[in-house]
Amino acid sequence: MNDFRVYGFDALSLSKISESTSLGKASLYHHFPGGKEQMALEVMTAATEWINNEIITVLTSSDEPRKRLRLVLKKFNEFYECGAKPCILESLVASDAPQTVKHAARLAFEILLEGFKKLAKDLNKSNNEARQLAECTVITLQGALIVSRGMLDQNIFKRSIGRIESLFFNDNP
């Protein structure tokens, strides 16, 4: 997964994959007859599983909403190493990856949006307000990842994560 995160679909060659996995190109094609596209789809399957297991199960649990949000934001912070690691979803949708791969990334984004929307609805937000809050949350997370890495300043990501809780609970940012 890291190779796709770091290089994106376009710049990741089979040679780089072979080097990082210690598998020859023939072995890669044996395991992934669909080539790089199949590999990217497998990576998206793993990413979606992580989102479902680590994020959605928490967002949709019966725990108190603030506790759920704090735990999810902590998981994002740990997973992205305070904004230092790139996001696989962004890496693949911002590339020339095949539409099958981009579609898988869009589905992962939709799963995230629905999870945050559920949390907002649990806070008695209207359907429209909940969707807008979910979109704002995912945009904040993704944008903060890009800007933090671009500016080489992880504090940008940390501050953005702090603002998300304020958005949900109308606290002062």
N, C-alpha and C. Protein backbone atom coordinates (compact mmCIF):
# COMPACT_ATOMS: atom_id res chain seq x y z
N MET A 1 0.84 -1.20 0.00
CA MET A 1 0.00 0.00 0.00
C MET A 1 0.87 1.25 0.00
N ASN A 2 1.99 1.19 0.71
CA ASN A 2 2.84 2.38 0.80
C ASN A 2 3.34 2.84 -0.55
N ASP A 3 3.64 1.90 -1.44
CA ASP A 3 4.14 2.31 -2.75
C ASP A 3 3.11 3.15 -3.49
N PHE A 4 1.86 2.73 -3.48
CA PHE A 4 0.82 3.51 -4.15
C PHE A 4 0.61 4.84 -3.43
N ARG A 5 0.73 4.85 -2.10
CA ARG A 5 0.57 6.10 -1.34
C ARG A 5 1.67 7.09 -1.71
N VAL A 6 2.87 6.60 -1.81
CA VAL A 6 4.03 7.47 -2.04
C VAL A 6 4.12 7.92 -3.49
N TYR A 7 3.97 7.00 -4.42
CA TYR A 7 4.20 7.31 -5.82
C TYR A 7 2.93 7.61 -6.61
N GLY A 8 1.78 7.19 -6.11
CA GLY A 8 0.56 7.29 -6.90
C GLY A 8 0.57 6.22 -7.96
N PHE A 9 -0.48 6.16 -8.73
CA PHE A 9 -0.59 5.12 -9.75
C PHE A 9 0.38 5.36 -10.90
N ASP A 10 0.48 6.60 -11.34
CA ASP A 10 1.26 6.93 -12.53
C ASP A 10 2.75 6.64 -12.37
N ALA A 11 3.32 7.08 -11.29
CA ALA A 11 4.77 6.99 -11.11
C ALA A 11 5.24 5.65 -10.55
N LEU A 12 4.31 4.84 -10.10
CA LEU A 12 4.70 3.55 -9.53
C LEU A 12 4.88 2.53 -10.66
N SER A 13 6.09 2.07 -10.80
CA SER A 13 6.39 1.09 -11.85
C SER A 13 6.41 -0.31 -11.24
N LEU A 14 6.29 -1.29 -12.11
CA LEU A 14 6.41 -2.67 -11.64
C LEU A 14 7.79 -2.93 -11.08
N SER A 15 8.79 -2.23 -11.59
CA SER A 15 10.15 -2.38 -11.05
C SER A 15 10.21 -1.93 -9.59
N LYS A 16 9.56 -0.80 -9.29
CA LYS A 16 9.54 -0.32 -7.90
C LYS A 16 8.77 -1.29 -7.01
N ILE A 17 7.65 -1.80 -7.50
CA ILE A 17 6.87 -2.76 -6.73
C ILE A 17 7.69 -4.02 -6.50
N SER A 18 8.36 -4.49 -7.54
CA SER A 18 9.20 -5.67 -7.45
C SER A 18 10.30 -5.47 -6.41
N GLU A 19 10.91 -4.31 -6.45
CA GLU A 19 11.99 -3.99 -5.50
C GLU A 19 11.48 -3.97 -4.06
N SER A 20 10.35 -3.33 -3.83
CA SER A 20 9.86 -3.20 -2.45
C SER A 20 9.25 -4.48 -1.90
N THR A 21 8.78 -5.37 -2.79
CA THR A 21 8.19 -6.63 -2.32
C THR A 21 9.15 -7.80 -2.40
N SER A 22 10.29 -7.59 -3.03
CA SER A 22 11.28 -8.65 -3.25
C SER A 22 10.72 -9.78 -4.12
N LEU A 23 9.72 -9.46 -4.92
CA LEU A 23 9.17 -10.42 -5.88
C LEU A 23 9.58 -10.01 -7.28
N GLY A 24 9.91 -10.97 -8.10
CA GLY A 24 10.21 -10.67 -9.49
C GLY A 24 8.95 -10.27 -10.22
N LYS A 25 9.13 -9.63 -11.36
CA LYS A 25 7.97 -9.20 -12.15
C LYS A 25 7.09 -10.38 -12.55
N ALA A 26 7.71 -11.52 -12.86
CA ALA A 26 6.93 -12.70 -13.22
C ALA A 26 6.06 -13.16 -12.04
N SER A 27 6.62 -13.10 -10.84
CA SER A 27 5.85 -13.48 -9.65
C SER A 27 4.71 -12.51 -9.40
N LEU A 28 4.98 -11.23 -9.64
CA LEU A 28 3.91 -10.24 -9.47
C LEU A 28 2.76 -10.53 -10.43
N TYR A 29 3.09 -10.82 -11.69
CA TYR A 29 2.04 -11.12 -12.66
C TYR A 29 1.35 -12.46 -12.35
N HIS A 30 2.08 -13.38 -11.73
CA HIS A 30 1.45 -14.64 -11.33
C HIS A 30 0.38 -14.37 -10.26
N HIS A 31 0.73 -13.54 -9.27
CA HIS A 31 -0.20 -13.23 -8.18
C HIS A 31 -1.26 -12.21 -8.61
N PHE A 32 -0.90 -11.34 -9.53
CA PHE A 32 -1.79 -10.28 -9.99
C PHE A 32 -1.82 -10.27 -11.52
N PRO A 33 -2.55 -11.22 -12.13
CA PRO A 33 -2.57 -11.28 -13.60
C PRO A 33 -3.12 -10.01 -14.24
N GLY A 34 -3.88 -9.23 -13.48
CA GLY A 34 -4.41 -7.97 -14.00
C GLY A 34 -3.42 -6.82 -13.89
N GLY A 35 -2.19 -7.12 -13.48
CA GLY A 35 -1.14 -6.11 -13.42
C GLY A 35 -1.36 -5.06 -12.36
N LYS A 36 -0.85 -3.89 -12.65
CA LYS A 36 -0.87 -2.78 -11.69
C LYS A 36 -2.29 -2.39 -11.31
N GLU A 37 -3.22 -2.47 -12.25
CA GLU A 37 -4.62 -2.14 -11.95
C GLU A 37 -5.17 -3.08 -10.87
N GLN A 38 -4.92 -4.36 -11.01
CA GLN A 38 -5.40 -5.31 -10.01
C GLN A 38 -4.73 -5.05 -8.66
N MET A 39 -3.44 -4.73 -8.69
CA MET A 39 -2.74 -4.42 -7.44
C MET A 39 -3.37 -3.20 -6.76
N ALA A 40 -3.67 -2.18 -7.55
CA ALA A 40 -4.28 -0.98 -6.99
C ALA A 40 -5.66 -1.29 -6.43
N LEU A 41 -6.41 -2.14 -7.10
CA LEU A 41 -7.72 -2.52 -6.59
C LEU A 41 -7.60 -3.31 -5.28
N GLU A 42 -6.59 -4.14 -5.18
CA GLU A 42 -6.34 -4.87 -3.92
C GLU A 42 -5.99 -3.89 -2.80
N VAL A 43 -5.20 -2.89 -3.13
CA VAL A 43 -4.85 -1.87 -2.15
C VAL A 43 -6.11 -1.12 -1.71
N MET A 44 -6.98 -0.81 -2.66
CA MET A 44 -8.23 -0.12 -2.31
C MET A 44 -9.13 -1.00 -1.46
N THR A 45 -9.13 -2.30 -1.71
CA THR A 45 -9.90 -3.22 -0.87
C THR A 45 -9.37 -3.18 0.56
N ALA A 46 -8.06 -3.21 0.71
CA ALA A 46 -7.46 -3.15 2.05
C ALA A 46 -7.76 -1.81 2.72
N ALA A 47 -7.69 -0.72 1.96
CA ALA A 47 -7.98 0.60 2.52
C ALA A 47 -9.44 0.69 2.96
N THR A 48 -10.34 0.17 2.16
CA THR A 48 -11.76 0.20 2.50
C THR A 48 -12.04 -0.66 3.73
N GLU A 49 -11.37 -1.79 3.83
CA GLU A 49 -11.51 -2.63 5.02
C GLU A 49 -11.04 -1.88 6.26
N TRP A 50 -9.92 -1.16 6.15
CA TRP A 50 -9.42 -0.38 7.29
C TRP A 50 -10.45 0.69 7.67
N ILE A 51 -10.97 1.38 6.68
CA ILE A 51 -11.98 2.42 6.95
C ILE A 51 -13.18 1.81 7.66
N ASN A 52 -13.66 0.69 7.16
CA ASN A 52 -14.83 0.05 7.79
C ASN A 52 -14.52 -0.44 9.20
N ASN A 53 -13.39 -1.11 9.38
CA ASN A 53 -13.06 -1.71 10.68
C ASN A 53 -12.62 -0.70 11.72
N GLU A 54 -11.85 0.28 11.31
CA GLU A 54 -11.27 1.21 12.28
C GLU A 54 -12.04 2.52 12.44
N ILE A 55 -12.75 2.92 11.42
CA ILE A 55 -13.41 4.23 11.45
C ILE A 55 -14.93 4.09 11.53
N ILE A 56 -15.52 3.39 10.60
CA ILE A 56 -16.98 3.31 10.53
C ILE A 56 -17.56 2.59 11.74
N THR A 57 -16.92 1.52 12.19
CA THR A 57 -17.45 0.82 13.37
C THR A 57 -17.48 1.74 14.59
N VAL A 58 -16.52 2.63 14.69
CA VAL A 58 -16.50 3.58 15.81
C VAL A 58 -17.55 4.67 15.60
N LEU A 59 -17.60 5.24 14.40
CA LEU A 59 -18.55 6.33 14.14
C LEU A 59 -20.00 5.89 14.30
N THR A 60 -20.29 4.63 14.04
CA THR A 60 -21.67 4.15 14.09
C THR A 60 -21.98 3.36 15.36
N SER A 61 -21.06 3.35 16.30
CA SER A 61 -21.28 2.62 17.54
C SER A 61 -22.29 3.37 18.42
N SER A 62 -22.61 2.77 19.54
CA SER A 62 -23.58 3.40 20.45
C SER A 62 -22.89 4.25 21.52
N ASP A 63 -21.58 4.38 21.45
CA ASP A 63 -20.87 5.23 22.41
C ASP A 63 -21.30 6.68 22.26
N GLU A 64 -20.98 7.47 23.26
CA GLU A 64 -21.30 8.90 23.25
C GLU A 64 -20.61 9.54 22.04
N PRO A 65 -21.30 10.42 21.30
CA PRO A 65 -20.77 10.98 20.06
C PRO A 65 -19.39 11.64 20.17
N ARG A 66 -19.16 12.44 21.22
CA ARG A 66 -17.86 13.11 21.34
C ARG A 66 -16.75 12.08 21.51
N LYS A 67 -17.02 11.03 22.25
CA LYS A 67 -16.04 9.96 22.45
C LYS A 67 -15.73 9.27 21.11
N ARG A 68 -16.77 9.01 20.32
CA ARG A 68 -16.59 8.38 19.01
C ARG A 68 -15.72 9.24 18.12
N LEU A 69 -16.05 10.54 18.05
CA LEU A 69 -15.30 11.43 17.18
C LEU A 69 -13.86 11.54 17.62
N ARG A 70 -13.63 11.69 18.90
CA ARG A 70 -12.25 11.79 19.39
C ARG A 70 -11.43 10.55 19.05
N LEU A 71 -12.05 9.37 19.20
CA LEU A 71 -11.33 8.14 18.89
C LEU A 71 -11.01 8.05 17.40
N VAL A 72 -11.96 8.41 16.56
CA VAL A 72 -11.73 8.38 15.11
C VAL A 72 -10.64 9.36 14.71
N LEU A 73 -10.68 10.56 15.27
CA LEU A 73 -9.65 11.55 14.93
C LEU A 73 -8.28 11.09 15.42
N LYS A 74 -8.25 10.43 16.55
CA LYS A 74 -6.98 9.87 17.06
C LYS A 74 -6.47 8.80 16.10
N LYS A 75 -7.37 7.96 15.60
CA LYS A 75 -6.97 6.91 14.66
C LYS A 75 -6.42 7.52 13.36
N PHE A 76 -7.09 8.55 12.85
CA PHE A 76 -6.59 9.22 11.65
C PHE A 76 -5.21 9.83 11.92
N ASN A 77 -5.07 10.47 13.06
CA ASN A 77 -3.80 11.10 13.40
C ASN A 77 -2.68 10.06 13.46
N GLU A 78 -2.95 8.92 14.07
CA GLU A 78 -1.95 7.86 14.16
C GLU A 78 -1.66 7.26 12.78
N PHE A 79 -2.71 6.98 12.03
CA PHE A 79 -2.55 6.35 10.72
C PHE A 79 -1.74 7.22 9.77
N TYR A 80 -2.00 8.51 9.78
CA TYR A 80 -1.30 9.43 8.89
C TYR A 80 -0.06 10.05 9.54
N GLU A 81 0.32 9.54 10.70
CA GLU A 81 1.52 10.01 11.41
C GLU A 81 1.52 11.52 11.51
N CYS A 82 0.46 12.06 12.07
CA CYS A 82 0.29 13.50 12.29
C CYS A 82 0.37 14.30 10.99
N GLY A 83 -0.07 13.70 9.90
CA GLY A 83 -0.08 14.41 8.63
C GLY A 83 1.17 14.20 7.78
N ALA A 84 2.07 13.34 8.21
CA ALA A 84 3.31 13.11 7.46
C ALA A 84 3.13 12.12 6.31
N LYS A 85 2.18 11.19 6.45
CA LYS A 85 1.99 10.16 5.43
C LYS A 85 0.90 10.57 4.45
N PRO A 86 1.08 10.28 3.18
CA PRO A 86 0.05 10.61 2.18
C PRO A 86 -1.15 9.68 2.29
N CYS A 87 -2.24 10.11 1.72
CA CYS A 87 -3.47 9.33 1.71
C CYS A 87 -3.57 8.55 0.40
N ILE A 88 -3.84 7.26 0.49
CA ILE A 88 -3.96 6.42 -0.70
C ILE A 88 -5.11 6.89 -1.58
N LEU A 89 -6.21 7.34 -0.98
CA LEU A 89 -7.36 7.79 -1.76
C LEU A 89 -6.97 8.97 -2.65
N GLU A 90 -6.32 9.94 -2.05
CA GLU A 90 -5.88 11.13 -2.80
C GLU A 90 -4.88 10.73 -3.86
N SER A 91 -3.95 9.85 -3.52
CA SER A 91 -2.92 9.43 -4.47
C SER A 91 -3.51 8.78 -5.71
N LEU A 92 -4.58 8.05 -5.52
CA LEU A 92 -5.16 7.33 -6.66
C LEU A 92 -6.17 8.16 -7.45
N VAL A 93 -6.96 9.00 -6.78
CA VAL A 93 -7.93 9.80 -7.55
C VAL A 93 -7.25 10.95 -8.28
N ALA A 94 -6.10 11.39 -7.82
CA ALA A 94 -5.40 12.50 -8.47
C ALA A 94 -4.41 11.99 -9.52
N SER A 95 -4.59 10.77 -9.96
CA SER A 95 -3.67 10.19 -10.92
C SER A 95 -4.43 9.79 -12.19
N ASP A 96 -3.70 9.16 -13.08
CA ASP A 96 -4.32 8.61 -14.29
C ASP A 96 -4.66 7.14 -14.09
N ALA A 97 -5.01 6.78 -12.88
CA ALA A 97 -5.41 5.39 -12.60
C ALA A 97 -6.64 5.04 -13.42
N PRO A 98 -6.81 3.78 -13.74
CA PRO A 98 -8.01 3.37 -14.48
C PRO A 98 -9.28 3.72 -13.69
N GLN A 99 -10.38 3.84 -14.41
CA GLN A 99 -11.65 4.22 -13.78
C GLN A 99 -12.08 3.22 -12.71
N THR A 100 -11.72 1.95 -12.86
CA THR A 100 -12.09 0.97 -11.83
C THR A 100 -11.46 1.32 -10.50
N VAL A 101 -10.22 1.79 -10.55
CA VAL A 101 -9.50 2.17 -9.32
C VAL A 101 -10.09 3.46 -8.76
N LYS A 102 -10.34 4.43 -9.61
CA LYS A 102 -10.92 5.69 -9.16
C LYS A 102 -12.31 5.46 -8.57
N HIS A 103 -13.06 4.55 -9.16
CA HIS A 103 -14.39 4.21 -8.63
C HIS A 103 -14.27 3.62 -7.22
N ALA A 104 -13.30 2.74 -7.02
CA ALA A 104 -13.08 2.16 -5.68
C ALA A 104 -12.73 3.24 -4.67
N ALA A 105 -11.94 4.21 -5.08
CA ALA A 105 -11.58 5.32 -4.18
C ALA A 105 -12.81 6.17 -3.87
N ARG A 106 -13.63 6.43 -4.88
CA ARG A 106 -14.87 7.20 -4.64
C ARG A 106 -15.78 6.47 -3.65
N LEU A 107 -15.88 5.16 -3.78
CA LEU A 107 -16.69 4.39 -2.83
C LEU A 107 -16.14 4.50 -1.41
N ALA A 108 -14.83 4.49 -1.28
CA ALA A 108 -14.21 4.64 0.05
C ALA A 108 -14.53 6.02 0.63
N PHE A 109 -14.46 7.06 -0.22
CA PHE A 109 -14.84 8.40 0.25
C PHE A 109 -16.31 8.42 0.68
N GLU A 110 -17.16 7.77 -0.08
CA GLU A 110 -18.59 7.75 0.26
C GLU A 110 -18.83 7.04 1.59
N ILE A 111 -18.10 5.97 1.83
CA ILE A 111 -18.23 5.26 3.11
C ILE A 111 -17.84 6.20 4.26
N LEU A 112 -16.75 6.93 4.08
CA LEU A 112 -16.33 7.89 5.11
C LEU A 112 -17.41 8.95 5.32
N LEU A 113 -17.92 9.49 4.24
CA LEU A 113 -18.96 10.51 4.34
C LEU A 113 -20.18 9.99 5.08
N GLU A 114 -20.60 8.78 4.76
CA GLU A 114 -21.78 8.21 5.43
C GLU A 114 -21.52 7.99 6.92
N GLY A 115 -20.30 7.59 7.27
CA GLY A 115 -19.97 7.41 8.69
C GLY A 115 -20.03 8.71 9.47
N PHE A 116 -19.44 9.76 8.92
CA PHE A 116 -19.49 11.06 9.59
C PHE A 116 -20.91 11.63 9.58
N LYS A 117 -21.65 11.35 8.54
CA LYS A 117 -23.05 11.79 8.47
C LYS A 117 -23.86 11.12 9.58
N LYS A 118 -23.63 9.84 9.80
CA LYS A 118 -24.33 9.11 10.88
C LYS A 118 -24.03 9.74 12.22
N LEU A 119 -22.79 10.09 12.46
CA LEU A 119 -22.42 10.73 13.72
C LEU A 119 -23.16 12.06 13.87
N ALA A 120 -23.20 12.84 12.80
CA ALA A 120 -23.89 14.14 12.84
C ALA A 120 -25.39 13.95 13.08
N LYS A 121 -25.98 12.94 12.46
CA LYS A 121 -27.41 12.68 12.66
C LYS A 121 -27.67 12.27 14.11
N ASP A 122 -26.73 11.57 14.73
CA ASP A 122 -26.85 11.21 16.14
C ASP A 122 -26.82 12.44 17.04
N LEU A 123 -26.33 13.55 16.49
CA LEU A 123 -26.31 14.83 17.21
C LEU A 123 -27.52 15.68 16.82
N ASN A 124 -28.53 15.03 16.24
CA ASN A 124 -29.79 15.68 15.86
C ASN A 124 -29.64 16.71 14.75
N LYS A 125 -28.66 16.53 13.89
CA LYS A 125 -28.54 17.40 12.72
C LYS A 125 -29.52 16.90 11.66
N SER A 126 -30.04 17.82 10.87
CA SER A 126 -30.91 17.42 9.76
C SER A 126 -30.09 16.64 8.74
N ASN A 127 -30.76 15.96 7.84
CA ASN A 127 -30.07 15.18 6.82
C ASN A 127 -29.12 16.07 6.02
N ASN A 128 -29.59 17.25 5.63
CA ASN A 128 -28.77 18.19 4.86
C ASN A 128 -27.58 18.70 5.69
N GLU A 129 -27.84 19.09 6.93
CA GLU A 129 -26.76 19.56 7.81
C GLU A 129 -25.74 18.45 8.05
N ALA A 130 -26.22 17.22 8.23
CA ALA A 130 -25.33 16.10 8.50
C ALA A 130 -24.43 15.83 7.30
N ARG A 131 -25.00 15.88 6.10
CA ARG A 131 -24.20 15.65 4.89
C ARG A 131 -23.14 16.74 4.72
N GLN A 132 -23.55 18.00 4.95
CA GLN A 132 -22.59 19.10 4.83
C GLN A 132 -21.47 18.98 5.86
N LEU A 133 -21.81 18.59 7.07
CA LEU A 133 -20.81 18.43 8.11
C LEU A 133 -19.86 17.28 7.77
N ALA A 134 -20.41 16.21 7.24
CA ALA A 134 -19.57 15.07 6.83
C ALA A 134 -18.62 15.49 5.71
N GLU A 135 -19.14 16.22 4.72
CA GLU A 135 -18.28 16.68 3.62
C GLU A 135 -17.19 17.60 4.15
N CYS A 136 -17.55 18.52 5.01
CA CYS A 136 -16.57 19.45 5.57
C CYS A 136 -15.48 18.70 6.34
N THR A 137 -15.88 17.66 7.05
CA THR A 137 -14.92 16.86 7.82
C THR A 137 -13.93 16.15 6.92
N VAL A 138 -14.43 15.48 5.89
CA VAL A 138 -13.54 14.75 4.99
C VAL A 138 -12.66 15.72 4.21
N ILE A 139 -13.22 16.84 3.79
CA ILE A 139 -12.43 17.86 3.09
C ILE A 139 -11.34 18.40 4.01
N THR A 140 -11.68 18.65 5.25
CA THR A 140 -10.69 19.16 6.21
C THR A 140 -9.57 18.16 6.41
N LEU A 141 -9.92 16.89 6.60
CA LEU A 141 -8.89 15.86 6.78
C LEU A 141 -7.99 15.76 5.55
N GLN A 142 -8.60 15.64 4.38
CA GLN A 142 -7.82 15.47 3.16
C GLN A 142 -6.98 16.70 2.84
N GLY A 143 -7.59 17.86 2.95
CA GLY A 143 -6.87 19.10 2.67
C GLY A 143 -5.71 19.31 3.63
N ALA A 144 -5.95 19.01 4.90
CA ALA A 144 -4.89 19.17 5.89
C ALA A 144 -3.72 18.23 5.62
N LEU A 145 -4.03 17.02 5.15
CA LEU A 145 -2.95 16.08 4.80
C LEU A 145 -2.08 16.65 3.69
N ILE A 146 -2.71 17.17 2.67
CA ILE A 146 -1.97 17.70 1.53
C ILE A 146 -1.15 18.92 1.93
N VAL A 147 -1.78 19.85 2.62
CA VAL A 147 -1.08 21.08 3.00
C VAL A 147 0.02 20.80 4.02
N SER A 148 -0.23 19.93 4.98
CA SER A 148 0.80 19.59 5.97
C SER A 148 2.04 19.02 5.30
N ARG A 149 1.82 18.12 4.36
CA ARG A 149 2.95 17.52 3.66
C ARG A 149 3.62 18.54 2.75
N GLY A 150 2.83 19.36 2.08
CA GLY A 150 3.40 20.37 1.19
C GLY A 150 4.20 21.42 1.92
N MET A 151 3.76 21.77 3.10
CA MET A 151 4.44 22.80 3.90
C MET A 151 5.48 22.21 4.86
N LEU A 152 5.55 20.88 4.90
CA LEU A 152 6.44 20.19 5.85
C LEU A 152 6.16 20.65 7.28
N ASP A 153 4.89 20.78 7.60
CA ASP A 153 4.47 21.26 8.91
C ASP A 153 3.30 20.42 9.41
N GLN A 154 3.61 19.45 10.26
CA GLN A 154 2.58 18.56 10.78
C GLN A 154 1.60 19.27 11.71
N ASN A 155 1.96 20.43 12.21
CA ASN A 155 1.04 21.16 13.08
C ASN A 155 -0.22 21.58 12.33
N ILE A 156 -0.13 21.75 11.03
CA ILE A 156 -1.31 22.09 10.24
C ILE A 156 -2.34 20.98 10.36
N PHE A 157 -1.90 19.74 10.23
CA PHE A 157 -2.80 18.60 10.36
C PHE A 157 -3.38 18.52 11.78
N LYS A 158 -2.52 18.68 12.77
CA LYS A 158 -2.97 18.62 14.17
C LYS A 158 -4.03 19.69 14.45
N ARG A 159 -3.80 20.91 14.00
CA ARG A 159 -4.78 21.98 14.22
C ARG A 159 -6.09 21.69 13.50
N SER A 160 -6.00 21.16 12.30
CA SER A 160 -7.21 20.85 11.53
C SER A 160 -8.03 19.77 12.21
N ILE A 161 -7.37 18.76 12.74
CA ILE A 161 -8.10 17.71 13.47
C ILE A 161 -8.81 18.33 14.67
N GLY A 162 -8.18 19.26 15.35
CA GLY A 162 -8.81 19.93 16.48
C GLY A 162 -10.05 20.72 16.07
N ARG A 163 -10.00 21.31 14.90
CA ARG A 163 -11.15 22.09 14.42
C ARG A 163 -12.35 21.21 14.08
N ILE A 164 -12.11 19.99 13.71
CA ILE A 164 -13.22 19.09 13.35
C ILE A 164 -14.13 18.87 14.55
N GLU A 165 -13.56 18.66 15.70
CA GLU A 165 -14.40 18.48 16.91
C GLU A 165 -15.24 19.73 17.15
N SER A 166 -14.65 20.89 16.93
CA SER A 166 -15.39 22.14 17.10
C SER A 166 -16.56 22.24 16.13
N LEU A 167 -16.37 21.76 14.92
CA LEU A 167 -17.45 21.78 13.93
C LEU A 167 -18.64 20.93 14.39
N PHE A 168 -18.37 19.77 14.91
CA PHE A 168 -19.44 18.88 15.33
C PHE A 168 -20.17 19.36 16.58
N PHE A 169 -19.43 19.96 17.48
CA PHE A 169 -20.01 20.30 18.77
C PHE A 169 -20.16 21.80 19.01
N ASN A 170 -20.00 22.58 17.93
CA ASN A 170 -20.16 24.03 18.00
C ASN A 170 -19.33 24.67 19.11
N ASP A 171 -18.15 24.10 19.33
CA ASP A 171 -17.22 24.68 20.29
C ASP A 171 -16.48 25.81 19.59
N ASN A 172 -15.82 26.64 20.36
CA ASN A 172 -14.99 27.67 19.75
C ASN A 172 -13.73 27.02 19.21
N PRO A 173 -13.38 27.30 17.94
CA PRO A 173 -12.19 26.65 17.36
C PRO A 173 -10.90 27.11 18.00
